[in-house]
């Protein structure tokens, strides 16, 4: 057998292996979506499932307005500036609300961070249903980069009358090993 035929056979085998690897990677990525939803549902992580569970009853406006306060803090040592562009807002339960948060990487290096929401009072968390939030994913920022992110949510009409005000605060943490070179 000549070398050209052997080379061609090796190339076909390599192509077959690469196609199998690509198919397995695609299958793994496709399977991660339902797995992620199950983990979020069981742990309450990121409120991803809550956005899918909105019912028409949740969207019919009702009840008294709720005084919303928006805030943000950053882990000590993380060179970011995070601030809500709206600090206070009156919200009618059942209506969609969008606020903006601005984040700046004030360092000379690439940084990756993750925001975690916090609600005050704590029991209000189950009544705030976020549809879009920068807290759902890690955020990568280049040196000096500033970006604005929307947070879209609705407050469930079933919010108890005893909760007249809600604070939605984010704490942003560094994601070790995910940033660029120092």
N, C-alpha and C. Protein backbone atom coordinates (compact mmCIF):
# COMPACT_ATOMS: atom_id res chain seq x y z
N UNK A 1 0.86 -1.18 0.00
CA UNK A 1 0.00 0.00 0.00
C UNK A 1 0.90 1.24 0.00
N UNK A 2 0.58 2.19 -0.82
CA UNK A 2 1.41 3.38 -0.91
C UNK A 2 1.07 4.39 0.19
N UNK A 3 1.96 5.35 0.38
CA UNK A 3 1.80 6.32 1.47
C UNK A 3 0.60 7.23 1.26
N UNK A 4 0.25 7.53 0.04
CA UNK A 4 -0.91 8.40 -0.23
C UNK A 4 -2.19 7.72 0.25
N UNK A 5 -2.33 6.42 0.01
CA UNK A 5 -3.52 5.69 0.44
C UNK A 5 -3.57 5.61 1.96
N UNK A 6 -2.41 5.37 2.61
CA UNK A 6 -2.38 5.33 4.08
C UNK A 6 -2.73 6.69 4.67
N UNK A 7 -2.20 7.72 4.10
CA UNK A 7 -2.50 9.08 4.58
C UNK A 7 -3.98 9.39 4.43
N UNK A 8 -4.54 8.98 3.29
CA UNK A 8 -5.97 9.22 3.08
C UNK A 8 -6.81 8.45 4.09
N UNK A 9 -6.45 7.19 4.37
CA UNK A 9 -7.18 6.38 5.33
C UNK A 9 -7.09 7.00 6.74
N UNK A 10 -5.88 7.47 7.13
CA UNK A 10 -5.71 8.14 8.43
C UNK A 10 -6.55 9.41 8.52
N UNK A 11 -6.59 10.14 7.42
CA UNK A 11 -7.39 11.37 7.40
C UNK A 11 -8.87 11.07 7.57
N UNK A 12 -9.38 10.00 6.92
CA UNK A 12 -10.77 9.61 7.07
C UNK A 12 -11.07 9.18 8.50
N UNK A 13 -10.16 8.42 9.12
CA UNK A 13 -10.36 8.01 10.51
C UNK A 13 -10.37 9.22 11.44
N UNK A 14 -9.44 10.13 11.22
CA UNK A 14 -9.38 11.35 12.03
C UNK A 14 -10.66 12.17 11.87
N UNK A 15 -11.14 12.29 10.63
CA UNK A 15 -12.37 13.04 10.39
C UNK A 15 -13.54 12.36 11.10
N UNK A 16 -13.61 11.05 11.05
CA UNK A 16 -14.67 10.33 11.75
C UNK A 16 -14.62 10.56 13.25
N UNK A 17 -13.43 10.50 13.83
CA UNK A 17 -13.29 10.74 15.27
C UNK A 17 -13.71 12.16 15.64
N UNK A 18 -13.28 13.13 14.82
CA UNK A 18 -13.64 14.52 15.09
C UNK A 18 -15.15 14.74 14.98
N UNK A 19 -15.79 14.07 14.05
CA UNK A 19 -17.25 14.20 13.92
C UNK A 19 -17.95 13.60 15.14
N UNK A 20 -17.45 12.48 15.64
CA UNK A 20 -18.03 11.87 16.84
C UNK A 20 -17.84 12.81 18.03
N UNK A 21 -16.66 13.40 18.17
CA UNK A 21 -16.40 14.33 19.27
C UNK A 21 -17.32 15.54 19.16
N UNK A 22 -17.48 16.09 17.96
CA UNK A 22 -18.36 17.24 17.76
C UNK A 22 -19.80 16.88 18.12
N UNK A 23 -20.26 15.70 17.73
CA UNK A 23 -21.63 15.27 18.06
C UNK A 23 -21.80 15.12 19.57
N UNK A 24 -20.80 14.53 20.24
CA UNK A 24 -20.87 14.38 21.69
C UNK A 24 -20.89 15.75 22.38
N UNK A 25 -20.07 16.69 21.91
CA UNK A 25 -20.06 18.03 22.50
C UNK A 25 -21.41 18.71 22.32
N UNK A 26 -22.00 18.58 21.13
CA UNK A 26 -23.31 19.17 20.88
C UNK A 26 -24.34 18.55 21.83
N UNK A 27 -24.33 17.23 21.95
CA UNK A 27 -25.27 16.54 22.84
C UNK A 27 -25.11 16.97 24.29
N UNK A 28 -23.87 17.11 24.73
CA UNK A 28 -23.60 17.55 26.09
C UNK A 28 -24.14 18.96 26.32
N UNK A 29 -23.86 19.88 25.37
CA UNK A 29 -24.34 21.26 25.50
C UNK A 29 -25.86 21.30 25.50
N UNK A 30 -26.49 20.52 24.65
CA UNK A 30 -27.94 20.49 24.59
C UNK A 30 -28.52 19.95 25.89
N UNK A 31 -27.89 18.94 26.46
CA UNK A 31 -28.37 18.34 27.70
C UNK A 31 -28.17 19.23 28.91
N UNK A 32 -27.27 20.20 28.85
CA UNK A 32 -27.01 21.07 29.99
C UNK A 32 -28.18 21.99 30.29
N UNK A 33 -28.97 22.35 29.28
CA UNK A 33 -30.08 23.28 29.48
C UNK A 33 -31.11 22.68 30.44
N UNK A 34 -31.65 21.47 30.18
CA UNK A 34 -32.61 20.94 31.15
C UNK A 34 -31.98 20.63 32.50
N UNK A 35 -30.72 20.22 32.50
CA UNK A 35 -30.04 19.95 33.76
C UNK A 35 -29.91 21.22 34.59
N UNK A 36 -29.55 22.34 33.94
CA UNK A 36 -29.43 23.62 34.62
C UNK A 36 -30.78 24.04 35.20
N UNK A 37 -31.85 23.85 34.44
CA UNK A 37 -33.18 24.21 34.94
C UNK A 37 -33.55 23.39 36.17
N UNK A 38 -33.20 22.10 36.16
CA UNK A 38 -33.50 21.24 37.31
C UNK A 38 -32.72 21.71 38.54
N UNK A 39 -31.45 22.02 38.35
CA UNK A 39 -30.63 22.51 39.47
C UNK A 39 -31.20 23.82 39.99
N UNK A 40 -31.58 24.73 39.10
CA UNK A 40 -32.14 26.01 39.53
C UNK A 40 -33.45 25.81 40.27
N UNK A 41 -34.27 24.89 39.78
CA UNK A 41 -35.55 24.63 40.43
C UNK A 41 -35.36 24.07 41.84
N UNK A 42 -34.42 23.16 41.99
CA UNK A 42 -34.19 22.53 43.29
C UNK A 42 -33.52 23.46 44.30
N UNK A 43 -32.63 24.33 43.80
CA UNK A 43 -31.87 25.19 44.71
C UNK A 43 -32.40 26.61 44.79
N UNK A 44 -33.27 27.00 43.84
CA UNK A 44 -33.74 28.39 43.79
C UNK A 44 -32.71 29.32 43.19
N UNK A 45 -31.69 28.77 42.58
CA UNK A 45 -30.59 29.55 42.01
C UNK A 45 -31.06 30.40 40.86
N UNK A 46 -30.76 31.69 40.89
CA UNK A 46 -30.97 32.65 39.81
C UNK A 46 -32.41 32.90 39.41
N UNK A 47 -33.37 32.33 40.07
CA UNK A 47 -34.79 32.56 39.77
C UNK A 47 -35.13 32.30 38.31
N UNK A 48 -34.37 31.46 37.61
CA UNK A 48 -34.61 31.20 36.19
C UNK A 48 -35.96 30.54 36.00
N UNK A 49 -36.30 29.60 36.83
CA UNK A 49 -37.56 28.88 36.66
C UNK A 49 -38.74 29.79 36.97
N UNK A 50 -38.58 30.70 37.92
CA UNK A 50 -39.68 31.59 38.28
C UNK A 50 -40.17 32.39 37.07
N UNK A 51 -39.27 32.80 36.19
CA UNK A 51 -39.67 33.56 35.02
C UNK A 51 -40.57 32.73 34.12
N UNK A 52 -40.37 31.43 34.07
CA UNK A 52 -41.18 30.56 33.23
C UNK A 52 -42.53 30.26 33.87
N UNK A 53 -42.67 30.49 35.16
CA UNK A 53 -43.88 30.12 35.87
C UNK A 53 -44.88 31.27 36.01
N UNK A 54 -44.67 32.37 35.32
CA UNK A 54 -45.59 33.49 35.42
C UNK A 54 -46.95 33.07 34.89
N UNK A 55 -47.97 33.35 35.62
CA UNK A 55 -49.32 33.05 35.16
C UNK A 55 -50.04 34.37 34.91
N UNK A 56 -51.15 34.29 34.22
CA UNK A 56 -51.89 35.52 33.94
C UNK A 56 -52.35 36.19 35.22
N UNK A 57 -52.58 35.41 36.28
CA UNK A 57 -52.95 35.99 37.56
C UNK A 57 -51.84 36.83 38.16
N UNK A 58 -50.58 36.44 37.87
CA UNK A 58 -49.44 37.20 38.37
C UNK A 58 -49.32 38.55 37.67
N UNK A 59 -49.86 38.64 36.45
CA UNK A 59 -49.65 39.82 35.64
C UNK A 59 -50.77 40.84 35.74
N UNK A 60 -51.91 40.46 36.27
CA UNK A 60 -53.00 41.41 36.40
C UNK A 60 -52.67 42.36 37.54
N UNK A 61 -52.55 43.64 37.22
CA UNK A 61 -52.14 44.62 38.22
C UNK A 61 -53.16 44.69 39.35
N UNK A 62 -52.67 44.77 40.55
CA UNK A 62 -53.57 44.87 41.69
C UNK A 62 -52.79 45.19 42.94
N UNK A 63 -53.49 45.51 44.00
CA UNK A 63 -52.84 45.80 45.26
C UNK A 63 -52.26 47.20 45.30
N UNK A 64 -51.80 47.55 46.47
CA UNK A 64 -51.21 48.87 46.66
C UNK A 64 -49.80 48.90 46.07
N UNK A 65 -49.33 50.09 45.76
CA UNK A 65 -47.98 50.23 45.23
C UNK A 65 -46.96 49.85 46.29
N UNK A 66 -45.84 49.31 45.82
CA UNK A 66 -44.75 48.92 46.70
C UNK A 66 -43.60 49.90 46.46
N UNK A 67 -43.00 50.35 47.54
CA UNK A 67 -41.85 51.25 47.42
C UNK A 67 -40.61 50.39 47.23
N UNK A 68 -39.97 50.48 46.05
CA UNK A 68 -38.78 49.69 45.74
C UNK A 68 -37.54 50.57 45.89
N UNK A 69 -36.52 49.99 46.49
CA UNK A 69 -35.21 50.63 46.60
C UNK A 69 -34.21 49.71 45.94
N UNK A 70 -33.29 50.28 45.15
CA UNK A 70 -32.29 49.50 44.43
C UNK A 70 -30.91 49.90 44.94
N UNK A 71 -30.05 48.89 45.14
CA UNK A 71 -28.73 49.14 45.71
C UNK A 71 -27.75 48.12 45.14
N UNK A 72 -26.46 48.36 45.36
CA UNK A 72 -25.42 47.42 44.93
C UNK A 72 -24.17 47.63 45.76
N UNK A 73 -23.49 46.52 46.05
CA UNK A 73 -22.20 46.56 46.72
C UNK A 73 -21.25 45.65 45.96
N UNK A 74 -19.97 45.83 46.22
CA UNK A 74 -18.94 45.05 45.53
C UNK A 74 -18.05 44.39 46.58
N UNK A 75 -17.67 43.15 46.32
CA UNK A 75 -16.75 42.43 47.19
C UNK A 75 -15.49 43.27 47.39
N UNK A 76 -14.98 43.30 48.61
CA UNK A 76 -13.76 44.05 48.90
C UNK A 76 -12.64 43.59 47.97
N UNK A 77 -11.97 44.53 47.36
CA UNK A 77 -10.85 44.21 46.48
C UNK A 77 -11.23 44.06 45.03
N UNK A 78 -12.52 43.92 44.71
CA UNK A 78 -12.95 43.82 43.32
C UNK A 78 -13.01 45.22 42.73
N UNK A 79 -12.25 45.47 41.68
CA UNK A 79 -12.13 46.83 41.16
C UNK A 79 -13.30 47.24 40.26
N UNK A 80 -14.51 47.06 40.74
CA UNK A 80 -15.69 47.44 39.96
C UNK A 80 -16.45 48.53 40.68
N UNK A 81 -17.17 49.30 39.90
CA UNK A 81 -18.12 50.26 40.42
C UNK A 81 -19.49 49.82 39.89
N UNK A 82 -20.41 49.54 40.79
CA UNK A 82 -21.74 49.08 40.41
C UNK A 82 -22.76 50.01 41.03
N UNK A 83 -23.68 50.51 40.19
CA UNK A 83 -24.69 51.41 40.74
C UNK A 83 -25.99 51.29 39.95
N UNK A 84 -27.09 51.34 40.66
CA UNK A 84 -28.38 51.38 39.96
C UNK A 84 -28.59 52.79 39.39
N UNK A 85 -29.12 52.88 38.19
CA UNK A 85 -29.40 54.20 37.62
C UNK A 85 -30.70 54.78 38.18
N UNK A 86 -31.53 53.93 38.77
CA UNK A 86 -32.73 54.35 39.49
C UNK A 86 -32.58 53.84 40.91
N UNK A 87 -32.70 54.72 41.89
CA UNK A 87 -32.53 54.32 43.30
C UNK A 87 -33.86 53.94 43.96
N UNK A 88 -34.92 54.67 43.61
CA UNK A 88 -36.23 54.44 44.23
C UNK A 88 -37.31 54.45 43.14
N UNK A 89 -38.34 53.64 43.38
CA UNK A 89 -39.41 53.54 42.40
C UNK A 89 -40.65 52.99 43.10
N UNK A 90 -41.81 53.51 42.74
CA UNK A 90 -43.09 52.95 43.22
C UNK A 90 -43.54 51.95 42.16
N UNK A 91 -43.85 50.72 42.60
CA UNK A 91 -44.19 49.64 41.68
C UNK A 91 -45.56 49.07 42.03
N UNK A 92 -46.37 48.92 41.03
CA UNK A 92 -47.68 48.29 41.21
C UNK A 92 -47.52 46.79 40.94
N UNK A 93 -47.86 45.94 41.91
CA UNK A 93 -47.76 44.49 41.69
C UNK A 93 -48.51 44.08 40.42
N UNK A 94 -47.88 43.18 39.67
CA UNK A 94 -48.48 42.68 38.43
C UNK A 94 -48.05 43.43 37.20
N UNK A 95 -47.27 44.50 37.35
CA UNK A 95 -46.79 45.23 36.17
C UNK A 95 -45.30 44.96 35.97
N UNK A 96 -44.90 44.94 34.71
CA UNK A 96 -43.49 44.73 34.39
C UNK A 96 -42.71 46.00 34.71
N UNK A 97 -41.53 45.81 35.27
CA UNK A 97 -40.67 46.93 35.64
C UNK A 97 -39.29 46.67 35.06
N UNK A 98 -38.68 47.73 34.55
CA UNK A 98 -37.30 47.62 34.08
C UNK A 98 -36.49 48.74 34.71
N UNK A 99 -35.39 48.35 35.33
CA UNK A 99 -34.43 49.31 35.87
C UNK A 99 -33.07 48.98 35.26
N UNK A 100 -32.14 49.90 35.36
CA UNK A 100 -30.81 49.71 34.78
C UNK A 100 -29.75 49.77 35.87
N UNK A 101 -28.75 48.92 35.73
CA UNK A 101 -27.57 48.97 36.59
C UNK A 101 -26.37 49.22 35.70
N UNK A 102 -25.50 50.11 36.15
CA UNK A 102 -24.28 50.41 35.40
C UNK A 102 -23.07 49.83 36.14
N UNK A 103 -22.23 49.14 35.39
CA UNK A 103 -21.05 48.51 35.97
C UNK A 103 -19.83 48.97 35.22
N UNK A 104 -18.78 49.35 35.98
CA UNK A 104 -17.51 49.78 35.41
C UNK A 104 -16.39 48.96 36.01
N UNK A 105 -15.52 48.46 35.17
CA UNK A 105 -14.29 47.80 35.62
C UNK A 105 -13.24 48.90 35.73
N UNK A 106 -12.93 49.30 36.93
CA UNK A 106 -12.00 50.41 37.16
C UNK A 106 -10.56 49.94 37.29
N UNK A 107 -10.26 48.75 36.81
CA UNK A 107 -8.89 48.23 36.94
C UNK A 107 -8.20 48.19 35.57
N UNK A 108 -6.89 48.02 35.57
CA UNK A 108 -6.14 47.93 34.30
C UNK A 108 -6.10 46.50 33.75
N UNK A 109 -6.92 45.60 34.30
CA UNK A 109 -6.91 44.21 33.82
C UNK A 109 -8.34 43.73 33.58
N UNK A 110 -8.44 42.65 32.81
CA UNK A 110 -9.75 42.03 32.57
C UNK A 110 -10.21 41.36 33.87
N UNK A 111 -11.51 41.51 34.18
CA UNK A 111 -12.06 40.96 35.41
C UNK A 111 -13.40 40.30 35.08
N UNK A 112 -13.67 39.17 35.74
CA UNK A 112 -14.96 38.48 35.61
C UNK A 112 -15.62 38.50 36.98
N UNK A 113 -16.89 38.87 37.00
CA UNK A 113 -17.63 38.91 38.26
C UNK A 113 -19.00 38.27 38.12
N UNK A 114 -19.60 37.99 39.27
CA UNK A 114 -20.94 37.41 39.33
C UNK A 114 -21.72 38.18 40.38
N UNK A 115 -22.91 38.61 40.02
CA UNK A 115 -23.77 39.34 40.95
C UNK A 115 -24.78 38.38 41.60
N UNK A 116 -24.98 38.56 42.89
CA UNK A 116 -25.98 37.78 43.61
C UNK A 116 -27.02 38.73 44.18
N UNK A 117 -28.31 38.47 43.93
CA UNK A 117 -29.35 39.36 44.45
C UNK A 117 -29.63 39.09 45.92
N UNK A 118 -30.08 40.14 46.56
CA UNK A 118 -30.47 40.07 47.98
C UNK A 118 -31.74 40.90 48.12
N UNK A 119 -32.69 40.41 48.88
CA UNK A 119 -33.97 41.09 49.06
C UNK A 119 -34.17 41.41 50.53
N UNK A 120 -34.67 42.60 50.78
CA UNK A 120 -35.03 42.99 52.14
C UNK A 120 -36.46 43.49 52.10
N UNK A 121 -37.35 42.95 52.87
CA UNK A 121 -37.17 41.80 53.74
C UNK A 121 -36.96 40.53 52.93
N UNK A 122 -36.34 39.54 53.55
CA UNK A 122 -36.00 38.30 52.87
C UNK A 122 -37.18 37.57 52.28
N UNK A 123 -38.35 37.66 52.94
CA UNK A 123 -39.53 36.95 52.43
C UNK A 123 -40.03 37.54 51.11
N UNK A 124 -39.59 38.74 50.75
CA UNK A 124 -40.02 39.36 49.49
C UNK A 124 -39.45 38.65 48.28
N UNK A 125 -38.36 37.90 48.46
CA UNK A 125 -37.70 37.23 47.33
C UNK A 125 -38.66 36.35 46.54
N UNK A 126 -39.56 35.68 47.21
CA UNK A 126 -40.47 34.77 46.52
C UNK A 126 -41.53 35.49 45.70
N UNK A 127 -41.66 36.80 45.88
CA UNK A 127 -42.67 37.57 45.16
C UNK A 127 -42.08 38.41 44.02
N UNK A 128 -40.75 38.50 43.94
CA UNK A 128 -40.11 39.24 42.85
C UNK A 128 -39.67 38.23 41.81
N UNK A 129 -40.25 38.31 40.63
CA UNK A 129 -39.97 37.34 39.56
C UNK A 129 -39.18 38.05 38.46
N UNK A 130 -37.89 37.76 38.43
CA UNK A 130 -37.00 38.40 37.46
C UNK A 130 -37.07 37.67 36.12
N UNK A 131 -37.18 38.43 35.05
CA UNK A 131 -37.21 37.88 33.71
C UNK A 131 -35.87 38.07 33.01
N UNK A 132 -35.20 39.15 33.35
CA UNK A 132 -33.88 39.43 32.76
C UNK A 132 -33.04 40.09 33.84
N UNK A 133 -31.79 39.60 33.96
CA UNK A 133 -30.93 40.14 35.01
C UNK A 133 -29.48 39.81 34.69
N UNK A 134 -28.61 40.76 34.94
CA UNK A 134 -27.18 40.53 34.76
C UNK A 134 -26.65 39.51 35.77
N UNK A 135 -27.46 39.21 36.78
CA UNK A 135 -27.06 38.23 37.80
C UNK A 135 -27.21 36.80 37.32
N UNK A 136 -27.87 36.57 36.18
CA UNK A 136 -28.05 35.22 35.68
C UNK A 136 -26.75 34.60 35.17
N UNK A 137 -25.80 35.44 34.76
CA UNK A 137 -24.54 34.93 34.18
C UNK A 137 -23.35 35.71 34.72
N UNK A 138 -22.18 35.13 34.57
CA UNK A 138 -20.95 35.83 34.92
C UNK A 138 -20.72 36.93 33.87
N UNK A 139 -20.14 38.03 34.32
CA UNK A 139 -19.91 39.15 33.43
C UNK A 139 -18.41 39.40 33.30
N UNK A 140 -17.93 39.43 32.06
CA UNK A 140 -16.51 39.66 31.77
C UNK A 140 -16.35 41.11 31.29
N UNK A 141 -15.42 41.82 31.92
CA UNK A 141 -15.17 43.21 31.59
C UNK A 141 -13.71 43.42 31.23
N UNK A 142 -13.49 44.15 30.17
CA UNK A 142 -12.15 44.54 29.77
C UNK A 142 -11.70 45.70 30.66
N UNK A 143 -10.42 46.01 30.69
CA UNK A 143 -9.94 47.13 31.52
C UNK A 143 -10.67 48.43 31.18
N UNK A 144 -11.20 49.09 32.19
CA UNK A 144 -11.86 50.38 32.02
C UNK A 144 -13.24 50.33 31.37
N UNK A 145 -13.74 49.16 31.05
CA UNK A 145 -15.02 49.03 30.34
C UNK A 145 -16.20 49.35 31.25
N UNK A 146 -17.20 50.05 30.69
CA UNK A 146 -18.45 50.36 31.38
C UNK A 146 -19.60 49.82 30.54
N UNK A 147 -20.53 49.13 31.20
CA UNK A 147 -21.71 48.62 30.50
C UNK A 147 -22.94 48.85 31.37
N UNK A 148 -24.09 48.95 30.72
CA UNK A 148 -25.36 49.12 31.41
C UNK A 148 -26.20 47.88 31.16
N UNK A 149 -26.81 47.36 32.24
CA UNK A 149 -27.59 46.13 32.16
C UNK A 149 -29.03 46.39 32.63
N UNK A 150 -30.01 45.85 31.91
CA UNK A 150 -31.39 45.94 32.40
C UNK A 150 -31.69 44.84 33.40
N UNK A 151 -32.56 45.15 34.33
CA UNK A 151 -33.14 44.16 35.22
C UNK A 151 -34.65 44.29 35.02
N UNK A 152 -35.28 43.23 34.51
CA UNK A 152 -36.70 43.24 34.23
C UNK A 152 -37.36 42.26 35.21
N UNK A 153 -38.39 42.75 35.89
CA UNK A 153 -39.06 41.90 36.88
C UNK A 153 -40.52 42.30 37.00
N UNK A 154 -41.26 41.46 37.68
CA UNK A 154 -42.65 41.74 38.03
C UNK A 154 -42.83 41.29 39.48
N UNK A 155 -43.58 42.07 40.23
CA UNK A 155 -43.89 41.69 41.61
C UNK A 155 -45.23 40.96 41.59
N UNK A 156 -45.24 39.79 42.17
CA UNK A 156 -46.43 38.95 42.21
C UNK A 156 -47.56 39.68 42.93
N UNK A 157 -48.76 39.58 42.38
CA UNK A 157 -49.93 40.20 43.01
C UNK A 157 -50.22 39.61 44.37
N UNK A 158 -49.69 38.43 44.64
CA UNK A 158 -49.95 37.76 45.92
C UNK A 158 -49.05 38.30 47.04
N UNK A 159 -48.31 39.37 46.76
CA UNK A 159 -47.46 39.98 47.77
C UNK A 159 -48.31 40.37 48.98
N UNK A 160 -47.93 39.92 50.17
CA UNK A 160 -48.72 40.27 51.37
C UNK A 160 -48.74 41.78 51.60
N UNK A 161 -49.85 42.27 52.09
CA UNK A 161 -49.99 43.70 52.37
C UNK A 161 -48.99 44.16 53.42
N UNK A 162 -48.48 43.23 54.22
CA UNK A 162 -47.51 43.60 55.26
C UNK A 162 -46.16 44.01 54.67
N UNK A 163 -45.93 43.69 53.39
CA UNK A 163 -44.68 44.10 52.74
C UNK A 163 -44.97 45.34 51.91
N UNK A 164 -44.65 46.50 52.45
CA UNK A 164 -44.93 47.77 51.77
C UNK A 164 -43.72 48.30 51.02
N UNK A 165 -42.53 47.78 51.36
CA UNK A 165 -41.32 48.22 50.65
C UNK A 165 -40.38 47.03 50.49
N UNK A 166 -39.65 47.04 49.38
CA UNK A 166 -38.70 45.99 49.06
C UNK A 166 -37.41 46.63 48.62
N UNK A 167 -36.30 46.13 49.12
CA UNK A 167 -34.98 46.54 48.63
C UNK A 167 -34.41 45.39 47.82
N UNK A 168 -34.03 45.70 46.59
CA UNK A 168 -33.35 44.73 45.73
C UNK A 168 -31.91 45.20 45.63
N UNK A 169 -31.02 44.45 46.25
CA UNK A 169 -29.60 44.82 46.28
C UNK A 169 -28.78 43.70 45.66
N UNK A 170 -27.74 44.07 44.96
CA UNK A 170 -26.83 43.09 44.38
C UNK A 170 -25.47 43.22 45.03
N UNK A 171 -24.85 42.08 45.29
CA UNK A 171 -23.46 42.06 45.72
C UNK A 171 -22.69 41.37 44.60
N UNK A 172 -21.65 42.03 44.11
CA UNK A 172 -20.86 41.49 43.00
C UNK A 172 -19.58 40.90 43.56
N UNK A 173 -19.30 39.66 43.17
CA UNK A 173 -18.12 38.93 43.61
C UNK A 173 -17.19 38.64 42.44
N UNK A 174 -15.91 38.58 42.72
CA UNK A 174 -14.92 38.18 41.74
C UNK A 174 -15.06 36.69 41.49
N UNK A 175 -14.88 36.27 40.25
CA UNK A 175 -14.89 34.85 39.91
C UNK A 175 -13.43 34.45 39.70
N UNK A 176 -12.79 33.85 40.71
CA UNK A 176 -11.36 33.55 40.62
C UNK A 176 -11.03 32.66 39.42
N UNK A 177 -9.90 32.97 38.80
CA UNK A 177 -9.42 32.16 37.69
C UNK A 177 -10.10 32.42 36.37
N UNK A 178 -11.06 33.35 36.33
CA UNK A 178 -11.79 33.61 35.09
C UNK A 178 -11.34 34.90 34.41
N UNK A 179 -10.59 35.74 35.10
CA UNK A 179 -10.17 37.01 34.53
C UNK A 179 -8.99 36.85 33.59
N UNK A 180 -8.64 37.95 32.98
CA UNK A 180 -7.49 37.94 32.07
C UNK A 180 -6.19 38.01 32.83
N UNK A 181 -5.12 38.25 32.12
CA UNK A 181 -3.79 38.33 32.74
C UNK A 181 -3.65 39.63 33.49
N UNK A 182 -2.98 39.56 34.63
CA UNK A 182 -2.77 40.76 35.44
C UNK A 182 -1.68 41.62 34.86
